Amino acid sequence: MGAFDNLHLTGLVIGICTFLIIGLFHPVVVKCEYYFGTRCWWVFLLLGLGGTAASLWVANVLLSTLLGVFAFSSFWTIKEIFEQEERVKKGWFPKNPKRTYKF
């Protein structure tokens, strides 16, 4: 952590990692809705709660911040999975032919 503090790179590292975490969650939403539908939302709730607890427990500011970003990205994913279902219903994304849909 010392090298980041000496060069004042902590904010830049947090920004880059936040961008990567959010970018990682987009394809996860699409794939989870495609294979599991909205019934996997609780996994992201558990990930969010675990990330929140870990963020409060870790003393390192950089790691704590990244765990918080991960946690709230997980919470946001819950909303996005239900919105992804609507996008599939509108035909914007493909339906999984192996699944039955309620619409």
PDB file of N, CA and C in Angstrom:
ATOM      1  N   MET A   1       0.834  -1.191   0.000  1.00  0.00           N
ATOM      2  CA  MET A   1       0.000   0.000   0.000  1.00  0.00           C
ATOM      3  C   MET A   1       0.872   1.245   0.000  1.00  0.00           C
ATOM      4  N   GLY A   2       2.077   1.142   0.534  1.00  0.00           N
ATOM      5  CA  GLY A   2       2.965   2.288   0.623  1.00  0.00           C
ATOM      6  C   GLY A   2       3.280   2.905  -0.723  1.00  0.00           C
ATOM      7  N   ALA A   3       3.507   2.076  -1.747  1.00  0.00           N
ATOM      8  CA  ALA A   3       3.823   2.598  -3.075  1.00  0.00           C
ATOM      9  C   ALA A   3       2.654   3.395  -3.637  1.00  0.00           C
ATOM     10  N   PHE A   4       1.442   2.946  -3.388  1.00  0.00           N
ATOM     11  CA  PHE A   4       0.275   3.669  -3.874  1.00  0.00           C
ATOM     12  C   PHE A   4       0.146   5.018  -3.173  1.00  0.00           C
ATOM     13  N   ASP A   5       0.408   5.023  -1.862  1.00  0.00           N
ATOM     14  CA  ASP A   5       0.303   6.268  -1.105  1.00  0.00           C
ATOM     15  C   ASP A   5       1.379   7.260  -1.515  1.00  0.00           C
ATOM     16  N   ASN A   6       2.604   6.768  -1.698  1.00  0.00           N
ATOM     17  CA  ASN A   6       3.704   7.667  -2.060  1.00  0.00           C
ATOM     18  C   ASN A   6       3.485   8.309  -3.423  1.00  0.00           C
ATOM     19  N   LEU A   7       2.909   7.581  -4.334  1.00  0.00           N
ATOM     20  CA  LEU A   7       2.681   8.111  -5.677  1.00  0.00           C
ATOM     21  C   LEU A   7       1.269   8.673  -5.853  1.00  0.00           C
ATOM     22  N   HIS A   8       0.467   8.614  -4.802  1.00  0.00           N
ATOM     23  CA  HIS A   8      -0.914   9.107  -4.835  1.00  0.00           C
ATOM     24  C   HIS A   8      -1.727   8.406  -5.916  1.00  0.00           C
ATOM     25  N   LEU A   9      -1.584   7.102  -5.998  1.00  0.00           N
ATOM     26  CA  LEU A   9      -2.266   6.315  -7.016  1.00  0.00           C
ATOM     27  C   LEU A   9      -3.508   5.589  -6.496  1.00  0.00           C
ATOM     28  N   THR A  10      -3.789   5.693  -5.223  1.00  0.00           N
ATOM     29  CA  THR A  10      -4.897   4.943  -4.645  1.00  0.00           C
ATOM     30  C   THR A  10      -6.220   5.251  -5.349  1.00  0.00           C
ATOM     31  N   GLY A  11      -6.514   6.502  -5.579  1.00  0.00           N
ATOM     32  CA  GLY A  11      -7.762   6.872  -6.256  1.00  0.00           C
ATOM     33  C   GLY A  11      -7.835   6.332  -7.665  1.00  0.00           C
ATOM     34  N   LEU A  12      -6.710   6.381  -8.369  1.00  0.00           N
ATOM     35  CA  LEU A  12      -6.663   5.866  -9.730  1.00  0.00           C
ATOM     36  C   LEU A  12      -6.876   4.353  -9.751  1.00  0.00           C
ATOM     37  N   VAL A  13      -6.250   3.647  -8.818  1.00  0.00           N
ATOM     38  CA  VAL A  13      -6.413   2.193  -8.731  1.00  0.00           C
ATOM     39  C   VAL A  13      -7.858   1.843  -8.387  1.00  0.00           C
ATOM     40  N   ILE A  14      -8.451   2.575  -7.467  1.00  0.00           N
ATOM     41  CA  ILE A  14      -9.854   2.341  -7.111  1.00  0.00           C
ATOM     42  C   ILE A  14     -10.751   2.581  -8.328  1.00  0.00           C
ATOM     43  N   GLY A  15     -10.500   3.649  -9.073  1.00  0.00           N
ATOM     44  CA  GLY A  15     -11.294   3.945 -10.257  1.00  0.00           C
ATOM     45  C   GLY A  15     -11.188   2.856 -11.315  1.00  0.00           C
ATOM     46  N   ILE A  16      -9.979   2.400 -11.584  1.00  0.00           N
ATOM     47  CA  ILE A  16      -9.767   1.346 -12.576  1.00  0.00           C
ATOM     48  C   ILE A  16     -10.442   0.052 -12.139  1.00  0.00           C
ATOM     49  N   CYS A  17     -10.246  -0.319 -10.881  1.00  0.00           N
ATOM     50  CA  CYS A  17     -10.851  -1.563 -10.380  1.00  0.00           C
ATOM     51  C   CYS A  17     -12.375  -1.475 -10.358  1.00  0.00           C
ATOM     52  N   THR A  18     -12.915  -0.315 -10.033  1.00  0.00           N
ATOM     53  CA  THR A  18     -14.371  -0.124 -10.057  1.00  0.00           C
ATOM     54  C   THR A  18     -14.901  -0.312 -11.474  1.00  0.00           C
ATOM     55  N   PHE A  19     -14.218   0.271 -12.425  1.00  0.00           N
ATOM     56  CA  PHE A  19     -14.595   0.116 -13.834  1.00  0.00           C
ATOM     57  C   PHE A  19     -14.582  -1.358 -14.229  1.00  0.00           C
ATOM     58  N   LEU A  20     -13.552  -2.090 -13.819  1.00  0.00           N
ATOM     59  CA  LEU A  20     -13.446  -3.508 -14.160  1.00  0.00           C
ATOM     60  C   LEU A  20     -14.519  -4.350 -13.464  1.00  0.00           C
ATOM     61  N   ILE A  21     -14.806  -4.043 -12.205  1.00  0.00           N
ATOM     62  CA  ILE A  21     -15.831  -4.797 -11.467  1.00  0.00           C
ATOM     63  C   ILE A  21     -17.199  -4.592 -12.115  1.00  0.00           C
ATOM     64  N   ILE A  22     -17.540  -3.353 -12.417  1.00  0.00           N
ATOM     65  CA  ILE A  22     -18.830  -3.072 -13.046  1.00  0.00           C
ATOM     66  C   ILE A  22     -18.886  -3.711 -14.431  1.00  0.00           C
ATOM     67  N   GLY A  23     -17.785  -3.622 -15.161  1.00  0.00           N
ATOM     68  CA  GLY A  23     -17.726  -4.245 -16.481  1.00  0.00           C
ATOM     69  C   GLY A  23     -17.864  -5.748 -16.430  1.00  0.00           C
ATOM     70  N   LEU A  24     -17.373  -6.366 -15.374  1.00  0.00           N
ATOM     71  CA  LEU A  24     -17.495  -7.817 -15.200  1.00  0.00           C
ATOM     72  C   LEU A  24     -18.936  -8.220 -14.934  1.00  0.00           C
ATOM     73  N   PHE A  25     -19.669  -7.396 -14.231  1.00  0.00           N
ATOM     74  CA  PHE A  25     -21.039  -7.750 -13.866  1.00  0.00           C
ATOM     75  C   PHE A  25     -22.003  -7.711 -15.044  1.00  0.00           C
ATOM     76  N   HIS A  26     -21.722  -6.914 -16.076  1.00  0.00           N
ATOM     77  CA  HIS A  26     -22.651  -6.846 -17.213  1.00  0.00           C
ATOM     78  C   HIS A  26     -22.832  -8.201 -17.899  1.00  0.00           C
ATOM     79  N   PRO A  27     -21.765  -8.885 -18.320  1.00  0.00           N
ATOM     80  CA  PRO A  27     -21.983 -10.200 -18.935  1.00  0.00           C
ATOM     81  C   PRO A  27     -22.511 -11.235 -17.944  1.00  0.00           C
ATOM     82  N   VAL A  28     -22.208 -11.066 -16.677  1.00  0.00           N
ATOM     83  CA  VAL A  28     -22.734 -11.987 -15.662  1.00  0.00           C
ATOM     84  C   VAL A  28     -24.252 -11.894 -15.608  1.00  0.00           C
ATOM     85  N   VAL A  29     -24.788 -10.680 -15.664  1.00  0.00           N
ATOM     86  CA  VAL A  29     -26.247 -10.483 -15.671  1.00  0.00           C
ATOM     87  C   VAL A  29     -26.871 -11.182 -16.868  1.00  0.00           C
ATOM     88  N   VAL A  30     -26.295 -10.969 -18.044  1.00  0.00           N
ATOM     89  CA  VAL A  30     -26.854 -11.548 -19.270  1.00  0.00           C
ATOM     90  C   VAL A  30     -26.829 -13.067 -19.198  1.00  0.00           C
ATOM     91  N   LYS A  31     -25.694 -13.641 -18.792  1.00  0.00           N
ATOM     92  CA  LYS A  31     -25.562 -15.105 -18.740  1.00  0.00           C
ATOM     93  C   LYS A  31     -26.449 -15.711 -17.650  1.00  0.00           C
ATOM     94  N   CYS A  32     -26.502 -15.082 -16.484  1.00  0.00           N
ATOM     95  CA  CYS A  32     -27.334 -15.631 -15.402  1.00  0.00           C
ATOM     96  C   CYS A  32     -28.808 -15.626 -15.786  1.00  0.00           C
ATOM     97  N   GLU A  33     -29.271 -14.540 -16.393  1.00  0.00           N
ATOM     98  CA  GLU A  33     -30.674 -14.506 -16.799  1.00  0.00           C
ATOM     99  C   GLU A  33     -30.927 -15.537 -17.897  1.00  0.00           C
ATOM    100  N   TYR A  34     -29.988 -15.705 -18.812  1.00  0.00           N
ATOM    101  CA  TYR A  34     -30.153 -16.652 -19.916  1.00  0.00           C
ATOM    102  C   TYR A  34     -30.280 -18.082 -19.395  1.00  0.00           C
ATOM    103  N   TYR A  35     -29.410 -18.461 -18.459  1.00  0.00           N
ATOM    104  CA  TYR A  35     -29.398 -19.850 -17.981  1.00  0.00           C
ATOM    105  C   TYR A  35     -30.330 -20.111 -16.803  1.00  0.00           C
ATOM    106  N   PHE A  36     -30.505 -19.133 -15.920  1.00  0.00           N
ATOM    107  CA  PHE A  36     -31.256 -19.375 -14.691  1.00  0.00           C
ATOM    108  C   PHE A  36     -32.508 -18.517 -14.532  1.00  0.00           C
ATOM    109  N   GLY A  37     -32.669 -17.515 -15.362  1.00  0.00           N
ATOM    110  CA  GLY A  37     -33.798 -16.607 -15.200  1.00  0.00           C
ATOM    111  C   GLY A  37     -33.583 -15.713 -13.992  1.00  0.00           C
ATOM    112  N   THR A  38     -34.664 -15.244 -13.409  1.00  0.00           N
ATOM    113  CA  THR A  38     -34.552 -14.342 -12.264  1.00  0.00           C
ATOM    114  C   THR A  38     -34.412 -15.085 -10.938  1.00  0.00           C
ATOM    115  N   ARG A  39     -34.492 -16.409 -10.978  1.00  0.00           N
ATOM    116  CA  ARG A  39     -34.459 -17.159  -9.713  1.00  0.00           C
ATOM    117  C   ARG A  39     -33.092 -17.158  -9.038  1.00  0.00           C
ATOM    118  N   CYS A  40     -32.055 -16.631  -9.690  1.00  0.00           N
ATOM    119  CA  CYS A  40     -30.721 -16.603  -9.079  1.00  0.00           C
ATOM    120  C   CYS A  40     -30.439 -15.278  -8.367  1.00  0.00           C
ATOM    121  N   TRP A  41     -31.436 -14.434  -8.205  1.00  0.00           N
ATOM    122  CA  TRP A  41     -31.211 -13.128  -7.585  1.00  0.00           C
ATOM    123  C   TRP A  41     -30.667 -13.238  -6.175  1.00  0.00           C
ATOM    124  N   TRP A  42     -31.050 -14.276  -5.459  1.00  0.00           N
ATOM    125  CA  TRP A  42     -30.627 -14.430  -4.067  1.00  0.00           C
ATOM    126  C   TRP A  42     -29.124 -14.678  -3.953  1.00  0.00           C
ATOM    127  N   VAL A  43     -28.502 -15.237  -4.979  1.00  0.00           N
ATOM    128  CA  VAL A  43     -27.043 -15.437  -4.964  1.00  0.00           C
ATOM    129  C   VAL A  43     -26.353 -14.080  -4.889  1.00  0.00           C
ATOM    130  N   PHE A  44     -26.864 -13.123  -5.644  1.00  0.00           N
ATOM    131  CA  PHE A  44     -26.274 -11.787  -5.635  1.00  0.00           C
ATOM    132  C   PHE A  44     -26.576 -11.053  -4.333  1.00  0.00           C
ATOM    133  N   LEU A  45     -27.702 -11.369  -3.723  1.00  0.00           N
ATOM    134  CA  LEU A  45     -27.987 -10.806  -2.405  1.00  0.00           C
ATOM    135  C   LEU A  45     -26.958 -11.303  -1.396  1.00  0.00           C
ATOM    136  N   LEU A  46     -26.674 -12.605  -1.420  1.00  0.00           N
ATOM    137  CA  LEU A  46     -25.672 -13.164  -0.508  1.00  0.00           C
ATOM    138  C   LEU A  46     -24.278 -12.605  -0.790  1.00  0.00           C
ATOM    139  N   LEU A  47     -23.931 -12.481  -2.078  1.00  0.00           N
ATOM    140  CA  LEU A  47     -22.640 -11.885  -2.431  1.00  0.00           C
ATOM    141  C   LEU A  47     -22.545 -10.442  -1.934  1.00  0.00           C
ATOM    142  N   GLY A  48     -23.630  -9.698  -2.084  1.00  0.00           N
ATOM    143  CA  GLY A  48     -23.653  -8.316  -1.618  1.00  0.00           C
ATOM    144  C   GLY A  48     -23.521  -8.208  -0.115  1.00  0.00           C
ATOM    145  N   LEU A  49     -24.254  -9.058   0.594  1.00  0.00           N
ATOM    146  CA  LEU A  49     -24.162  -9.039   2.061  1.00  0.00           C
ATOM    147  C   LEU A  49     -22.771  -9.458   2.531  1.00  0.00           C
ATOM    148  N   GLY A  50     -22.210 -10.482   1.869  1.00  0.00           N
ATOM    149  CA  GLY A  50     -20.861 -10.919   2.218  1.00  0.00           C
ATOM    150  C   GLY A  50     -19.821  -9.858   1.920  1.00  0.00           C
ATOM    151  N   GLY A  51     -19.965  -9.201   0.773  1.00  0.00           N
ATOM    152  CA  GLY A  51     -19.037  -8.116   0.426  1.00  0.00           C
ATOM    153  C   GLY A  51     -19.155  -6.942   1.379  1.00  0.00           C
ATOM    154  N   THR A  52     -20.376  -6.640   1.810  1.00  0.00           N
ATOM    155  CA  THR A  52     -20.583  -5.548   2.765  1.00  0.00           C
ATOM    156  C   THR A  52     -19.929  -5.881   4.104  1.00  0.00           C
ATOM    157  N   ALA A  53     -20.150  -7.100   4.586  1.00  0.00           N
ATOM    158  CA  ALA A  53     -19.538  -7.517   5.851  1.00  0.00           C
ATOM    159  C   ALA A  53     -18.013  -7.502   5.743  1.00  0.00           C
ATOM    160  N   ALA A  54     -17.490  -8.013   4.643  1.00  0.00           N
ATOM    161  CA  ALA A  54     -16.037  -8.045   4.462  1.00  0.00           C
ATOM    162  C   ALA A  54     -15.474  -6.627   4.376  1.00  0.00           C
ATOM    163  N   SER A  55     -16.198  -5.730   3.724  1.00  0.00           N
ATOM    164  CA  SER A  55     -15.749  -4.345   3.612  1.00  0.00           C
ATOM    165  C   SER A  55     -15.658  -3.685   4.988  1.00  0.00           C
ATOM    166  N   LEU A  56     -16.591  -4.014   5.866  1.00  0.00           N
ATOM    167  CA  LEU A  56     -16.565  -3.456   7.221  1.00  0.00           C
ATOM    168  C   LEU A  56     -15.484  -4.092   8.080  1.00  0.00           C
ATOM    169  N   TRP A  57     -15.107  -5.302   7.766  1.00  0.00           N
ATOM    170  CA  TRP A  57     -14.152  -6.060   8.579  1.00  0.00           C
ATOM    171  C   TRP A  57     -12.703  -5.758   8.195  1.00  0.00           C
ATOM    172  N   VAL A  58     -12.432  -5.490   6.931  1.00  0.00           N
ATOM    173  CA  VAL A  58     -11.072  -5.283   6.444  1.00  0.00           C
ATOM    174  C   VAL A  58     -10.597  -3.880   6.802  1.00  0.00           C
ATOM    175  N   ALA A  59      -9.374  -3.786   7.306  1.00  0.00           N
ATOM    176  CA  ALA A  59      -8.828  -2.498   7.723  1.00  0.00           C
ATOM    177  C   ALA A  59      -8.176  -1.735   6.565  1.00  0.00           C
ATOM    178  N   ASN A  60      -7.692  -2.424   5.553  1.00  0.00           N
ATOM    179  CA  ASN A  60      -7.023  -1.801   4.425  1.00  0.00           C
ATOM    180  C   ASN A  60      -8.032  -0.994   3.607  1.00  0.00           C
ATOM    181  N   VAL A  61      -7.744   0.298   3.419  1.00  0.00           N
ATOM    182  CA  VAL A  61      -8.695   1.199   2.757  1.00  0.00           C
ATOM    183  C   VAL A  61      -8.945   0.772   1.312  1.00  0.00           C
ATOM    184  N   LEU A  62      -7.905   0.429   0.579  1.00  0.00           N
ATOM    185  CA  LEU A  62      -8.065   0.042  -0.824  1.00  0.00           C
ATOM    186  C   LEU A  62      -8.922  -1.211  -0.944  1.00  0.00           C
ATOM    187  N   LEU A  63      -8.590  -2.233  -0.184  1.00  0.00           N
ATOM    188  CA  LEU A  63      -9.342  -3.483  -0.243  1.00  0.00           C
ATOM    189  C   LEU A  63     -10.772  -3.306   0.265  1.00  0.00           C
ATOM    190  N   SER A  64     -10.934  -2.544   1.325  1.00  0.00           N
ATOM    191  CA  SER A  64     -12.265  -2.288   1.869  1.00  0.00           C
ATOM    192  C   SER A  64     -13.144  -1.569   0.841  1.00  0.00           C
ATOM    193  N   THR A  65     -12.563  -0.600   0.160  1.00  0.00           N
ATOM    194  CA  THR A  65     -13.303   0.135  -0.862  1.00  0.00           C
ATOM    195  C   THR A  65     -13.714  -0.778  -2.004  1.00  0.00           C
ATOM    196  N   LEU A  66     -12.793  -1.611  -2.463  1.00  0.00           N
ATOM    197  CA  LEU A  66     -13.098  -2.516  -3.569  1.00  0.00           C
ATOM    198  C   LEU A  66     -14.135  -3.562  -3.166  1.00  0.00           C
ATOM    199  N   LEU A  67     -14.087  -4.009  -1.929  1.00  0.00           N
ATOM    200  CA  LEU A  67     -15.119  -4.931  -1.448  1.00  0.00           C
ATOM    201  C   LEU A  67     -16.485  -4.238  -1.405  1.00  0.00           C
ATOM    202  N   GLY A  68     -16.505  -2.968  -1.027  1.00  0.00           N
ATOM    203  CA  GLY A  68     -17.752  -2.202  -1.042  1.00  0.00           C
ATOM    204  C   GLY A  68     -18.297  -2.028  -2.446  1.00  0.00           C
ATOM    205  N   VAL A  69     -17.415  -1.765  -3.399  1.00  0.00           N
ATOM    206  CA  VAL A  69     -17.844  -1.642  -4.801  1.00  0.00           C
ATOM    207  C   VAL A  69     -18.401  -2.973  -5.282  1.00  0.00           C
ATOM    208  N   PHE A  70     -17.720  -4.071  -4.943  1.00  0.00           N
ATOM    209  CA  PHE A  70     -18.206  -5.402  -5.312  1.00  0.00           C
ATOM    210  C   PHE A  70     -19.571  -5.675  -4.688  1.00  0.00           C
ATOM    211  N   ALA A  71     -19.724  -5.329  -3.413  1.00  0.00           N
ATOM    212  CA  ALA A  71     -20.983  -5.575  -2.710  1.00  0.00           C
ATOM    213  C   ALA A  71     -22.142  -4.832  -3.361  1.00  0.00           C
ATOM    214  N   PHE A  72     -21.964  -3.556  -3.624  1.00  0.00           N
ATOM    215  CA  PHE A  72     -23.071  -2.784  -4.173  1.00  0.00           C
ATOM    216  C   PHE A  72     -23.284  -3.056  -5.658  1.00  0.00           C
ATOM    217  N   SER A  73     -22.256  -3.535  -6.342  1.00  0.00           N
ATOM    218  CA  SER A  73     -22.463  -4.017  -7.712  1.00  0.00           C
ATOM    219  C   SER A  73     -23.305  -5.287  -7.688  1.00  0.00           C
ATOM    220  N   SER A  74     -23.109  -6.114  -6.674  1.00  0.00           N
ATOM    221  CA  SER A  74     -23.927  -7.318  -6.511  1.00  0.00           C
ATOM    222  C   SER A  74     -25.378  -6.953  -6.233  1.00  0.00           C
ATOM    223  N   PHE A  75     -25.594  -5.965  -5.375  1.00  0.00           N
ATOM    224  CA  PHE A  75     -26.962  -5.515  -5.102  1.00  0.00           C
ATOM    225  C   PHE A  75     -27.606  -4.952  -6.368  1.00  0.00           C
ATOM    226  N   TRP A  76     -26.867  -4.175  -7.132  1.00  0.00           N
ATOM    227  CA  TRP A  76     -27.384  -3.588  -8.364  1.00  0.00           C
ATOM    228  C   TRP A  76     -27.729  -4.679  -9.378  1.00  0.00           C
ATOM    229  N   THR A  77     -26.972  -5.770  -9.352  1.00  0.00           N
ATOM    230  CA  THR A  77     -27.201  -6.880 -10.273  1.00  0.00           C
ATOM    231  C   THR A  77     -28.577  -7.500 -10.071  1.00  0.00           C
ATOM    232  N   ILE A  78     -29.074  -7.488  -8.854  1.00  0.00           N
ATOM    233  CA  ILE A  78     -30.415  -8.010  -8.585  1.00  0.00           C
ATOM    234  C   ILE A  78     -31.436  -7.252  -9.430  1.00  0.00           C
ATOM    235  N   LYS A  79     -31.347  -5.942  -9.405  1.00  0.00           N
ATOM    236  CA  LYS A  79     -32.241  -5.105 -10.214  1.00  0.00           C
ATOM    237  C   LYS A  79     -32.035  -5.382 -11.695  1.00  0.00           C
ATOM    238  N   GLU A  80     -30.792  -5.500 -12.110  1.00  0.00           N
ATOM    239  CA  GLU A  80     -30.484  -5.695 -13.525  1.00  0.00           C
ATOM    240  C   GLU A  80     -30.977  -7.043 -14.050  1.00  0.00           C
ATOM    241  N   ILE A  81     -30.979  -8.074 -13.222  1.00  0.00           N
ATOM    242  CA  ILE A  81     -31.462  -9.385 -13.671  1.00  0.00           C
ATOM    243  C   ILE A  81     -32.954  -9.308 -14.011  1.00  0.00           C
ATOM    244  N   PHE A  82     -33.711  -8.609 -13.183  1.00  0.00           N
ATOM    245  CA  PHE A  82     -35.143  -8.463 -13.468  1.00  0.00           C
ATOM    246  C   PHE A  82     -35.363  -7.571 -14.696  1.00  0.00           C
ATOM    247  N   GLU A  83     -34.527  -6.554 -14.863  1.00  0.00           N
ATOM    248  CA  GLU A  83     -34.632  -5.728 -16.064  1.00  0.00           C
ATOM    249  C   GLU A  83     -34.187  -6.496 -17.304  1.00  0.00           C
ATOM    250  N   GLN A  84     -33.217  -7.388 -17.147  1.00  0.00           N
ATOM    251  CA  GLN A  84     -32.778  -8.211 -18.270  1.00  0.00           C
ATOM    252  C   GLN A  84     -33.906  -9.114 -18.746  1.00  0.00           C
ATOM    253  N   GLU A  85     -34.693  -9.616 -17.816  1.00  0.00           N
ATOM    254  CA  GLU A  85     -35.853 -10.428 -18.191  1.00  0.00           C
ATOM    255  C   GLU A  85     -36.810  -9.615 -19.070  1.00  0.00           C
ATOM    256  N   GLU A  86     -36.993  -8.349 -18.729  1.00  0.00           N
ATOM    257  CA  GLU A  86     -37.847  -7.470 -19.540  1.00  0.00           C
ATOM    258  C   GLU A  86     -37.239  -7.235 -20.920  1.00  0.00           C
ATOM    259  N   ARG A  87     -35.914  -7.106 -20.979  1.00  0.00           N
ATOM    260  CA  ARG A  87     -35.253  -6.915 -22.270  1.00  0.00           C
ATOM    261  C   ARG A  87     -35.394  -8.162 -23.145  1.00  0.00           C
ATOM    262  N   VAL A  88     -35.352  -9.338 -22.525  1.00  0.00           N
ATOM    263  CA  VAL A  88     -35.566 -10.584 -23.274  1.00  0.00           C
ATOM    264  C   VAL A  88     -37.006 -10.642 -23.765  1.00  0.00           C
ATOM    265  N   LYS A  89     -37.937 -10.235 -22.909  1.00  0.00           N
ATOM    266  CA  LYS A  89     -39.359 -10.232 -23.283  1.00  0.00           C
ATOM    267  C   LYS A  89     -39.603  -9.318 -24.486  1.00  0.00           C
ATOM    268  N   LYS A  90     -38.891  -8.193 -24.551  1.00  0.00           N
ATOM    269  CA  LYS A  90     -39.037  -7.258 -25.669  1.00  0.00           C
ATOM    270  C   LYS A  90     -38.317  -7.734 -26.929  1.00  0.00           C
ATOM    271  N   GLY A  91     -37.511  -8.793 -26.794  1.00  0.00           N
ATOM    272  CA  GLY A  91     -36.792  -9.312 -27.949  1.00  0.00           C
ATOM    273  C   GLY A  91     -35.433  -8.682 -28.180  1.00  0.00           C
ATOM    274  N   TRP A  92     -34.963  -7.891 -27.232  1.00  0.00           N
ATOM    275  CA  TRP A  92     -33.672  -7.227 -27.375  1.00  0.00           C
ATOM    276  C   TRP A  92     -32.512  -8.198 -27.152  1.00  0.00           C
ATOM    277  N   PHE A  93     -32.769  -9.276 -26.397  1.00  0.00           N
ATOM    278  CA  PHE A  93     -31.781 -10.317 -26.124  1.00  0.00           C
ATOM    279  C   PHE A  93     -32.423 -11.662 -26.430  1.00  0.00           C
ATOM    280  N   PRO A  94     -31.623 -12.662 -26.788  1.00  0.00           N
ATOM    281  CA  PRO A  94     -32.206 -13.962 -27.165  1.00  0.00           C
ATOM    282  C   PRO A  94     -32.751 -14.725 -25.962  1.00  0.00           C
ATOM    283  N   LYS A  95     -33.809 -15.505 -26.242  1.00  0.00           N
ATOM    284  CA  LYS A  95     -34.353 -16.417 -25.239  1.00  0.00           C
ATOM    285  C   LYS A  95     -33.523 -17.700 -25.252  1.00  0.00           C
ATOM    286  N   ASN A  96     -33.452 -18.347 -24.108  1.00  0.00           N
ATOM    287  CA  ASN A  96     -32.801 -19.649 -24.022  1.00  0.00           C
ATOM    288  C   ASN A  96     -33.825 -20.696 -24.461  1.00  0.00           C
ATOM    289  N   PRO A  97     -33.570 -21.418 -25.549  1.00  0.00           N
ATOM    290  CA  PRO A  97     -34.563 -22.396 -26.031  1.00  0.00           C
ATOM    291  C   PRO A  97     -34.771 -23.576 -25.086  1.00  0.00           C
ATOM    292  N   LYS A  98     -33.858 -23.782 -24.153  1.00  0.00           N
ATOM    293  CA  LYS A  98     -33.971 -24.891 -23.209  1.00  0.00           C
ATOM    294  C   LYS A  98     -34.766 -24.535 -21.956  1.00  0.00           C
ATOM    295  N   ARG A  99     -35.193 -23.267 -21.849  1.00  0.00           N
ATOM    296  CA  ARG A  99     -35.948 -22.815 -20.689  1.00  0.00           C
ATOM    297  C   ARG A  99     -37.373 -22.500 -21.076  1.00  0.00           C
ATOM    298  N   THR A 100     -38.254 -22.629 -20.100  1.00  0.00           N
ATOM    299  CA  THR A 100     -39.627 -22.153 -20.299  1.00  0.00           C
ATOM    300  C   THR A 100     -39.754 -20.796 -19.631  1.00  0.00           C
ATOM    301  N   TYR A 101     -40.428 -19.905 -20.287  1.00  0.00           N
ATOM    302  CA  TYR A 101     -40.587 -18.553 -19.785  1.00  0.00           C
ATOM    303  C   TYR A 101     -42.017 -18.349 -19.319  1.00  0.00           C
ATOM    304  N   LYS A 102     -42.215 -17.467 -18.356  1.00  0.00           N
ATOM    305  CA  LYS A 102     -43.560 -17.199 -17.852  1.00  0.00           C
ATOM    306  C   LYS A 102     -44.298 -16.174 -18.714  1.00  0.00           C
ATOM    307  N   PHE A 103     -43.655 -15.684 -19.761  1.00  0.00           N
ATOM    308  CA  PHE A 103     -44.318 -14.726 -20.659  1.00  0.00           C
ATOM    309  C   PHE A 103     -44.470 -15.308 -22.030  1.00  0.00           C
TER     310      PHE A 103
END
